[in-house]
C-alpha atoms as a PDB file:
ATOM      1  CA  MET A   1       0.000   0.000   0.000  1.00  0.00           C
ATOM      2  CA  THR A   2       1.295   3.437  -0.910  1.00  0.00           C
ATOM      3  CA  PRO A   3       2.387   5.408   2.167  1.00  0.00           C
ATOM      4  CA  HIS A   4       0.825   8.826   2.773  1.00  0.00           C
ATOM      5  CA  LEU A   5       1.965  11.890   4.696  1.00  0.00           C
ATOM      6  CA  GLN A   6      -0.672  13.879   6.585  1.00  0.00           C
ATOM      7  CA  THR A   7       0.086  17.604   6.333  1.00  0.00           C
ATOM      8  CA  SER A   8      -0.799  20.451   8.667  1.00  0.00           C
ATOM      9  CA  GLN A   9      -3.198  21.712   5.971  1.00  0.00           C
ATOM     10  CA  GLY A  10      -5.174  18.470   6.302  1.00  0.00           C
ATOM     11  CA  ARG A  11      -3.997  16.951   3.044  1.00  0.00           C
ATOM     12  CA  SER A  12      -2.972  13.322   2.561  1.00  0.00           C
ATOM     13  CA  LEU A  13       0.001  13.064   0.197  1.00  0.00           C
ATOM     14  CA  ALA A  14       1.110   9.815  -1.424  1.00  0.00           C
ATOM     15  CA  TYR A  15       4.826   9.185  -1.770  1.00  0.00           C
ATOM     16  CA  HIS A  16       7.553   6.638  -2.403  1.00  0.00           C
ATOM     17  CA  LYS A  17      10.899   6.966  -0.667  1.00  0.00           C
ATOM     18  CA  SER A  18      14.036   4.896  -1.149  1.00  0.00           C
ATOM     19  CA  ASP A  19      16.668   5.042   1.576  1.00  0.00           C
ATOM     20  CA  GLY A  20      20.330   5.426   0.741  1.00  0.00           C
ATOM     21  CA  ALA A  21      23.286   7.758   0.848  1.00  0.00           C
ATOM     22  CA  GLY A  22      22.956  11.479   0.350  1.00  0.00           C
ATOM     23  CA  PRO A  23      22.390  13.807  -1.247  1.00  0.00           C
ATOM     24  CA  THR A  24      18.737  12.776  -1.528  1.00  0.00           C
ATOM     25  CA  VAL A  25      17.284  13.128  -5.027  1.00  0.00           C
ATOM     26  CA  VAL A  26      13.795  14.680  -4.898  1.00  0.00           C
ATOM     27  CA  PHE A  27      11.622  14.589  -8.014  1.00  0.00           C
ATOM     28  CA  LEU A  28       9.019  17.357  -8.425  1.00  0.00           C
ATOM     29  CA  GLY A  29       6.511  16.517 -11.147  1.00  0.00           C
ATOM     30  CA  GLY A  30       4.570  18.697 -13.528  1.00  0.00           C
ATOM     31  CA  LEU A  31       1.027  20.010 -13.607  1.00  0.00           C
ATOM     32  CA  LYS A  32      -1.488  17.128 -13.596  1.00  0.00           C
ATOM     33  CA  SER A  33       1.371  14.620 -13.685  1.00  0.00           C
ATOM     34  CA  ASP A  34       1.840  11.975 -11.025  1.00  0.00           C
ATOM     35  CA  MET A  35       4.768  10.210  -9.409  1.00  0.00           C
ATOM     36  CA  GLU A  36       4.375   7.181 -11.693  1.00  0.00           C
ATOM     37  CA  GLY A  37       5.716   9.056 -14.726  1.00  0.00           C
ATOM     38  CA  THR A  38       8.608   7.786 -16.817  1.00  0.00           C
ATOM     39  CA  LYS A  39      11.174  10.280 -15.540  1.00  0.00           C
ATOM     40  CA  ALA A  40      10.331   9.755 -11.856  1.00  0.00           C
ATOM     41  CA  ILE A  41      10.454   5.956 -12.079  1.00  0.00           C
ATOM     42  CA  TYR A  42      13.644   6.013 -14.155  1.00  0.00           C
ATOM     43  CA  LEU A  43      15.418   8.234 -11.640  1.00  0.00           C
ATOM     44  CA  GLN A  44      14.213   6.177  -8.693  1.00  0.00           C
ATOM     45  CA  ASP A  45      15.528   2.960 -10.260  1.00  0.00           C
ATOM     46  CA  TRP A  46      18.819   4.653 -11.112  1.00  0.00           C
ATOM     47  CA  ALA A  47      19.226   6.088  -7.590  1.00  0.00           C
ATOM     48  CA  ARG A  48      18.329   2.778  -5.940  1.00  0.00           C
ATOM     49  CA  ALA A  49      20.865   0.900  -8.073  1.00  0.00           C
ATOM     50  CA  ARG A  50      23.640   3.209  -6.878  1.00  0.00           C
ATOM     51  CA  GLY A  51      22.475   3.331  -3.258  1.00  0.00           C
ATOM     52  CA  GLN A  52      21.364   6.969  -3.304  1.00  0.00           C
ATOM     53  CA  ALA A  53      18.311   8.186  -1.392  1.00  0.00           C
ATOM     54  CA  PHE A  54      15.315   9.197  -3.510  1.00  0.00           C
ATOM     55  CA  LEU A  55      11.856  10.723  -2.968  1.00  0.00           C
ATOM     56  CA  ARG A  56       8.910  11.143  -5.331  1.00  0.00           C
ATOM     57  CA  PHE A  57       5.369  12.154  -4.380  1.00  0.00           C
ATOM     58  CA  ASP A  58       1.997  13.331  -5.631  1.00  0.00           C
ATOM     59  CA  TYR A  59       0.884  16.895  -4.944  1.00  0.00           C
ATOM     60  CA  SER A  60      -2.629  17.270  -3.560  1.00  0.00           C
ATOM     61  CA  GLY A  61      -5.187  16.791  -6.327  1.00  0.00           C
ATOM     62  CA  HIS A  62      -2.701  14.649  -8.249  1.00  0.00           C
ATOM     63  CA  GLY A  63      -2.280  10.882  -8.495  1.00  0.00           C
ATOM     64  CA  GLU A  64      -3.018   9.038  -5.256  1.00  0.00           C
ATOM     65  CA  SER A  65      -3.041  12.107  -3.000  1.00  0.00           C
ATOM     66  CA  SER A  66      -6.201  13.622  -1.558  1.00  0.00           C
ATOM     67  CA  GLY A  67      -8.139  16.513  -3.067  1.00  0.00           C
ATOM     68  CA  ARG A  68      -9.311  17.597  -6.508  1.00  0.00           C
ATOM     69  CA  PHE A  69      -6.938  19.097  -9.040  1.00  0.00           C
ATOM     70  CA  GLU A  70      -9.392  21.922  -9.771  1.00  0.00           C
ATOM     71  CA  ASP A  71      -9.210  23.064  -6.137  1.00  0.00           C
ATOM     72  CA  GLY A  72      -5.418  23.377  -6.076  1.00  0.00           C
ATOM     73  CA  CYS A  73      -2.947  26.109  -6.934  1.00  0.00           C
ATOM     74  CA  ILE A  74       0.774  26.816  -7.002  1.00  0.00           C
ATOM     75  CA  GLY A  75       0.874  27.830  -3.340  1.00  0.00           C
ATOM     76  CA  ASP A  76      -0.879  24.637  -2.218  1.00  0.00           C
ATOM     77  CA  TRP A  77       1.621  22.500  -4.099  1.00  0.00           C
ATOM     78  CA  HIS A  78       4.493  24.555  -2.693  1.00  0.00           C
ATOM     79  CA  HIS A  79       3.237  23.807   0.827  1.00  0.00           C
ATOM     80  CA  ASP A  80       2.964  20.127  -0.143  1.00  0.00           C
ATOM     81  CA  THR A  81       6.593  20.185  -1.293  1.00  0.00           C
ATOM     82  CA  LEU A  82       7.765  21.830   1.925  1.00  0.00           C
ATOM     83  CA  ALA A  83       5.827  19.285   4.005  1.00  0.00           C
ATOM     84  CA  MET A  84       7.470  16.408   2.137  1.00  0.00           C
ATOM     85  CA  ILE A  85      10.980  17.847   2.345  1.00  0.00           C
ATOM     86  CA  ASP A  86      10.722  18.755   6.017  1.00  0.00           C
ATOM     87  CA  ALA A  87       9.147  15.489   7.165  1.00  0.00           C
ATOM     88  CA  LEU A  88      10.837  12.884   4.991  1.00  0.00           C
ATOM     89  CA  THR A  89      14.343  14.086   4.147  1.00  0.00           C
ATOM     90  CA  ASP A  90      17.512  15.032   5.991  1.00  0.00           C
ATOM     91  CA  GLY A  91      20.672  16.678   4.776  1.00  0.00           C
ATOM     92  CA  PRO A  92      21.459  17.983   1.307  1.00  0.00           C
ATOM     93  CA  LEU A  93      19.094  17.558  -1.637  1.00  0.00           C
ATOM     94  CA  ILE A  94      19.402  17.303  -5.410  1.00  0.00           C
ATOM     95  CA  VAL A  95      16.064  18.709  -6.582  1.00  0.00           C
ATOM     96  CA  VAL A  96      14.806  17.653 -10.019  1.00  0.00           C
ATOM     97  CA  GLY A  97      11.872  19.754 -11.234  1.00  0.00           C
ATOM     98  CA  SER A  98       9.912  18.955 -14.386  1.00  0.00           C
ATOM     99  CA  SER A  99       7.734  21.652 -16.005  1.00  0.00           C
ATOM    100  CA  MET A 100       5.561  23.079 -13.192  1.00  0.00           C
ATOM    101  CA  GLY A 101       7.903  21.144 -10.901  1.00  0.00           C
ATOM    102  CA  GLY A 102      10.643  23.469 -12.110  1.00  0.00           C
ATOM    103  CA  TRP A 103       8.665  26.400 -10.699  1.00  0.00           C
ATOM    104  CA  GLN A 104       8.174  24.406  -7.499  1.00  0.00           C
ATOM    105  CA  ALA A 105      11.924  23.753  -7.343  1.00  0.00           C
ATOM    106  CA  LEU A 106      12.610  27.493  -7.575  1.00  0.00           C
ATOM    107  CA  LEU A 107      10.065  28.207  -4.829  1.00  0.00           C
ATOM    108  CA  LEU A 108      11.731  25.544  -2.704  1.00  0.00           C
ATOM    109  CA  ALA A 109      15.085  27.224  -3.313  1.00  0.00           C
ATOM    110  CA  ARG A 110      13.624  30.468  -2.017  1.00  0.00           C
ATOM    111  CA  ALA A 111      12.197  28.764   1.074  1.00  0.00           C
ATOM    112  CA  ARG A 112      14.958  26.249   1.903  1.00  0.00           C
ATOM    113  CA  PRO A 113      18.148  27.431   0.136  1.00  0.00           C
ATOM    114  CA  ASP A 114      20.432  25.823   2.714  1.00  0.00           C
ATOM    115  CA  ARG A 115      19.016  22.354   2.014  1.00  0.00           C
ATOM    116  CA  ILE A 116      19.761  22.285  -1.706  1.00  0.00           C
ATOM    117  CA  ALA A 117      23.088  20.976  -3.001  1.00  0.00           C
ATOM    118  CA  GLY A 118      22.063  21.161  -6.661  1.00  0.00           C
ATOM    119  CA  MET A 119      19.091  21.527  -8.996  1.00  0.00           C
ATOM    120  CA  VAL A 120      18.120  20.023 -12.343  1.00  0.00           C
ATOM    121  CA  THR A 121      15.198  21.532 -14.241  1.00  0.00           C
ATOM    122  CA  ILE A 122      13.466  19.857 -17.173  1.00  0.00           C
ATOM    123  CA  ALA A 123      11.411  22.253 -19.311  1.00  0.00           C
ATOM    124  CA  ALA A 124      10.969  24.461 -16.252  1.00  0.00           C
ATOM    125  CA  ALA A 125       7.797  26.559 -16.355  1.00  0.00           C
ATOM    126  CA  PRO A 126       8.188  29.370 -13.812  1.00  0.00           C
ATOM    127  CA  ASP A 127       5.369  31.931 -13.696  1.00  0.00           C
ATOM    128  CA  PHE A 128       3.347  30.060 -16.346  1.00  0.00           C
ATOM    129  CA  THR A 129      -0.008  31.024 -14.819  1.00  0.00           C
ATOM    130  CA  GLU A 130       0.776  34.654 -15.587  1.00  0.00           C
ATOM    131  CA  ASP A 131       3.027  34.516 -18.662  1.00  0.00           C
ATOM    132  CA  GLY A 132       1.376  31.509 -20.281  1.00  0.00           C
ATOM    133  CA  TYR A 133      -2.266  31.386 -19.251  1.00  0.00           C
ATOM    134  CA  TRP A 134      -3.250  34.948 -18.315  1.00  0.00           C
ATOM    135  CA  ALA A 135      -1.146  36.589 -21.042  1.00  0.00           C
ATOM    136  CA  SER A 136      -2.805  34.456 -23.712  1.00  0.00           C
ATOM    137  CA  PHE A 137      -6.407  34.682 -22.463  1.00  0.00           C
ATOM    138  CA  SER A 138      -8.855  36.454 -24.735  1.00  0.00           C
ATOM    139  CA  GLN A 139     -11.068  39.143 -23.252  1.00  0.00           C
ATOM    140  CA  ALA A 140     -13.920  36.626 -23.301  1.00  0.00           C
ATOM    141  CA  GLU A 141     -11.850  34.117 -21.332  1.00  0.00           C
ATOM    142  CA  LYS A 142     -10.864  36.752 -18.769  1.00  0.00           C
ATOM    143  CA  GLU A 143     -14.515  37.678 -18.352  1.00  0.00           C
ATOM    144  CA  ALA A 144     -15.481  34.010 -18.013  1.00  0.00           C
ATOM    145  CA  LEU A 145     -12.783  33.547 -15.379  1.00  0.00           C
ATOM    146  CA  GLU A 146     -14.305  36.414 -13.407  1.00  0.00           C
ATOM    147  CA  ARG A 147     -17.904  35.347 -13.968  1.00  0.00           C
ATOM    148  CA  VAL A 148     -17.723  31.537 -13.786  1.00  0.00           C
ATOM    149  CA  GLY A 149     -14.496  31.134 -11.821  1.00  0.00           C
ATOM    150  CA  HIS A 150     -12.679  28.961 -14.361  1.00  0.00           C
ATOM    151  CA  VAL A 151     -11.909  28.377 -18.032  1.00  0.00           C
ATOM    152  CA  GLU A 152     -10.808  25.278 -19.950  1.00  0.00           C
ATOM    153  CA  ARG A 153      -7.638  25.166 -21.981  1.00  0.00           C
ATOM    154  CA  PRO A 154      -6.657  22.288 -24.328  1.00  0.00           C
ATOM    155  CA  SER A 155      -3.447  20.366 -23.733  1.00  0.00           C
ATOM    156  CA  ASP A 156      -1.227  18.652 -26.297  1.00  0.00           C
ATOM    157  CA  TYR A 157      -0.484  15.932 -23.765  1.00  0.00           C
ATOM    158  CA  MET A 158      -3.700  15.107 -21.866  1.00  0.00           C
ATOM    159  CA  GLU A 159      -7.321  16.156 -21.310  1.00  0.00           C
ATOM    160  CA  PRO A 160      -8.062  19.901 -21.107  1.00  0.00           C
ATOM    161  CA  TYR A 161      -6.796  21.886 -18.135  1.00  0.00           C
ATOM    162  CA  ILE A 162      -9.323  23.550 -15.861  1.00  0.00           C
ATOM    163  CA  ILE A 163      -7.779  26.920 -15.018  1.00  0.00           C
ATOM    164  CA  THR A 164      -9.400  28.581 -12.034  1.00  0.00           C
ATOM    165  CA  ARG A 165      -9.417  32.188 -10.948  1.00  0.00           C
ATOM    166  CA  ARG A 166      -7.790  31.029  -7.707  1.00  0.00           C
ATOM    167  CA  MET A 167      -4.899  29.465  -9.639  1.00  0.00           C
ATOM    168  CA  ILE A 168      -4.272  32.713 -11.523  1.00  0.00           C
ATOM    169  CA  GLU A 169      -4.522  34.916  -8.446  1.00  0.00           C
ATOM    170  CA  ASP A 170      -2.425  32.593  -6.290  1.00  0.00           C
ATOM    171  CA  GLY A 171       0.153  32.291  -9.059  1.00  0.00           C
ATOM    172  CA  ARG A 172       0.709  36.046  -8.856  1.00  0.00           C
ATOM    173  CA  ALA A 173       1.703  35.641  -5.207  1.00  0.00           C
ATOM    174  CA  HIS A 174       4.379  33.087  -6.143  1.00  0.00           C
ATOM    175  CA  LEU A 175       6.067  34.588  -9.216  1.00  0.00           C
ATOM    176  CA  VAL A 176       9.844  34.056  -9.298  1.00  0.00           C
ATOM    177  CA  LEU A 177      10.928  35.948 -12.422  1.00  0.00           C
ATOM    178  CA  ARG A 178       9.850  39.402 -11.226  1.00  0.00           C
ATOM    179  CA  ALA A 179      12.261  39.837  -8.315  1.00  0.00           C
ATOM    180  CA  HIS A 180      15.742  38.754  -7.315  1.00  0.00           C
ATOM    181  CA  LEU A 181      16.139  34.953  -7.573  1.00  0.00           C
ATOM    182  CA  SER A 182      19.151  33.578  -5.742  1.00  0.00           C
ATOM    183  CA  LEU A 183      20.242  30.025  -6.569  1.00  0.00           C
ATOM    184  CA  PRO A 184      23.448  29.585  -4.530  1.00  0.00           C
ATOM    185  CA  PHE A 185      24.206  26.084  -5.832  1.00  0.00           C
ATOM    186  CA  PRO A 186      24.878  24.478  -9.238  1.00  0.00           C
ATOM    187  CA  VAL A 187      21.884  24.342 -11.588  1.00  0.00           C
ATOM    188  CA  ARG A 188      21.491  22.341 -14.805  1.00  0.00           C
ATOM    189  CA  CYS A 189      18.564  23.279 -17.058  1.00  0.00           C
ATOM    190  CA  LEU A 190      17.374  20.911 -19.803  1.00  0.00           C
ATOM    191  CA  GLN A 191      15.013  22.066 -22.564  1.00  0.00           C
ATOM    192  CA  GLY A 192      13.721  20.563 -25.803  1.00  0.00           C
ATOM    193  CA  THR A 193      13.560  22.758 -28.908  1.00  0.00           C
ATOM    194  CA  VAL A 194      10.160  21.447 -30.097  1.00  0.00           C
ATOM    195  CA  ASP A 195       8.451  21.738 -26.714  1.00  0.00           C
ATOM    196  CA  THR A 196       4.977  23.162 -27.382  1.00  0.00           C
ATOM    197  CA  ALA A 197       4.207  23.734 -23.687  1.00  0.00           C
ATOM    198  CA  VAL A 198       7.354  25.600 -22.575  1.00  0.00           C
ATOM    199  CA  SER A 199       9.400  27.663 -25.006  1.00  0.00           C
ATOM    200  CA  THR A 200      13.148  27.987 -25.267  1.00  0.00           C
ATOM    201  CA  GLU A 201      12.550  31.690 -24.564  1.00  0.00           C
ATOM    202  CA  THR A 202      11.321  30.733 -21.092  1.00  0.00           C
ATOM    203  CA  ALA A 203      14.470  28.687 -20.478  1.00  0.00           C
ATOM    204  CA  LEU A 204      16.675  31.577 -21.617  1.00  0.00           C
ATOM    205  CA  ARG A 205      14.725  34.036 -19.474  1.00  0.00           C
ATOM    206  CA  LEU A 206      15.321  31.903 -16.380  1.00  0.00           C
ATOM    207  CA  LEU A 207      19.009  31.560 -17.239  1.00  0.00           C
ATOM    208  CA  GLU A 208      19.385  35.323 -17.585  1.00  0.00           C
ATOM    209  CA  HIS A 209      17.301  36.172 -14.534  1.00  0.00           C
ATOM    210  CA  ALA A 210      18.719  33.877 -11.866  1.00  0.00           C
ATOM    211  CA  ASP A 211      21.635  34.875  -9.671  1.00  0.00           C
ATOM    212  CA  CYS A 212      23.621  31.639  -9.784  1.00  0.00           C
ATOM    213  CA  PRO A 213      27.389  30.966  -9.744  1.00  0.00           C
ATOM    214  CA  ASP A 214      27.148  27.770 -11.814  1.00  0.00           C
ATOM    215  CA  MET A 215      24.131  27.545 -14.115  1.00  0.00           C
ATOM    216  CA  ARG A 216      24.026  25.837 -17.505  1.00  0.00           C
ATOM    217  CA  LEU A 217      21.271  25.412 -20.072  1.00  0.00           C
ATOM    218  CA  THR A 218      21.273  22.468 -22.473  1.00  0.00           C
ATOM    219  CA  LEU A 219      18.988  22.748 -25.501  1.00  0.00           C
ATOM    220  CA  VAL A 220      18.123  19.406 -27.072  1.00  0.00           C
ATOM    221  CA  LYS A 221      17.195  19.561 -30.744  1.00  0.00           C
ATOM    222  CA  ASP A 222      13.801  17.987 -31.561  1.00  0.00           C
ATOM    223  CA  ALA A 223      13.040  16.976 -27.949  1.00  0.00           C
ATOM    224  CA  ASP A 224       9.460  17.687 -26.858  1.00  0.00           C
ATOM    225  CA  HIS A 225       7.911  18.533 -23.491  1.00  0.00           C
ATOM    226  CA  ARG A 226       7.850  14.953 -22.273  1.00  0.00           C
ATOM    227  CA  PHE A 227      11.667  14.800 -22.432  1.00  0.00           C
ATOM    228  CA  SER A 228      11.462  11.094 -21.624  1.00  0.00           C
ATOM    229  CA  ASP A 229      12.972   9.117 -24.496  1.00  0.00           C
ATOM    230  CA  GLY A 230      16.223   7.230 -23.970  1.00  0.00           C
ATOM    231  CA  PRO A 231      18.673  10.037 -24.833  1.00  0.00           C
ATOM    232  CA  CYS A 232      16.732  12.583 -22.748  1.00  0.00           C
ATOM    233  CA  LEU A 233      16.610  10.266 -19.731  1.00  0.00           C
ATOM    234  CA  GLY A 234      20.353   9.812 -20.150  1.00  0.00           C
ATOM    235  CA  LEU A 235      20.856  13.587 -19.999  1.00  0.00           C
ATOM    236  CA  ILE A 236      18.766  13.843 -16.815  1.00  0.00           C
ATOM    237  CA  GLU A 237      20.732  11.004 -15.229  1.00  0.00           C
ATOM    238  CA  ALA A 238      24.054  12.579 -16.181  1.00  0.00           C
ATOM    239  CA  ALA A 239      23.028  15.938 -14.725  1.00  0.00           C
ATOM    240  CA  VAL A 240      21.916  14.406 -11.421  1.00  0.00           C
ATOM    241  CA  ALA A 241      25.074  12.284 -11.246  1.00  0.00           C
ATOM    242  CA  GLU A 242      27.290  15.315 -11.876  1.00  0.00           C
ATOM    243  CA  LEU A 243      25.625  17.399  -9.172  1.00  0.00           C
ATOM    244  CA  SER A 244      25.658  14.504  -6.716  1.00  0.00           C
ATOM    245  CA  HIS A 245      29.452  14.386  -6.927  1.00  0.00           C
ATOM    246  CA  LEU A 246      30.224  18.101  -6.821  1.00  0.00           C
END
């Protein structure tokens, strides 16, 4: 049976944790993704084989955790991440954030900078509620958001997203590209050039914006948002391995 962590907000969060040596690798998944995704399972198997500690989990409203996706927002999932890190890990962390998980990784860096030994982002999507959703809404969609409380947006990768007014408003309270962003540890950013969900411009904006002594961006020609074929998984593994040994 999948273990669950009960949080102070009353949420029940499903997780899988493998014990081992540090630094602990923590995988932060994307919007509407769960901890059973290809990248999370691949990294867990890789970490277990080398005796390195690993943690993956479902945010509230995702996977096996409690709650409905439509009721959640960036701040809720940030609190979920903090609860997991604080309760289930000790010592230094290598944080791997995929898509929305990249935004969560940056929020974690702001909240727990001393815990992070290194960070790997995969198609990181910081501030996407504002720069992606809100910026692209038509006037009719903005009015519907105000009137009905949500709008639907199609996805190239799954069923349509329900975007709520709460998600937009809460997102504005958690933006990371509008103020100083200190990342005082090595960061490796991975980005596909044919990603239709997160653009290379977003990856370059993060690279330019962050205050980081050792930050590198790798653009992978013809890789899409999933970033989960064999060569892409190899790049993720190599990045985590490099940071684990620094």
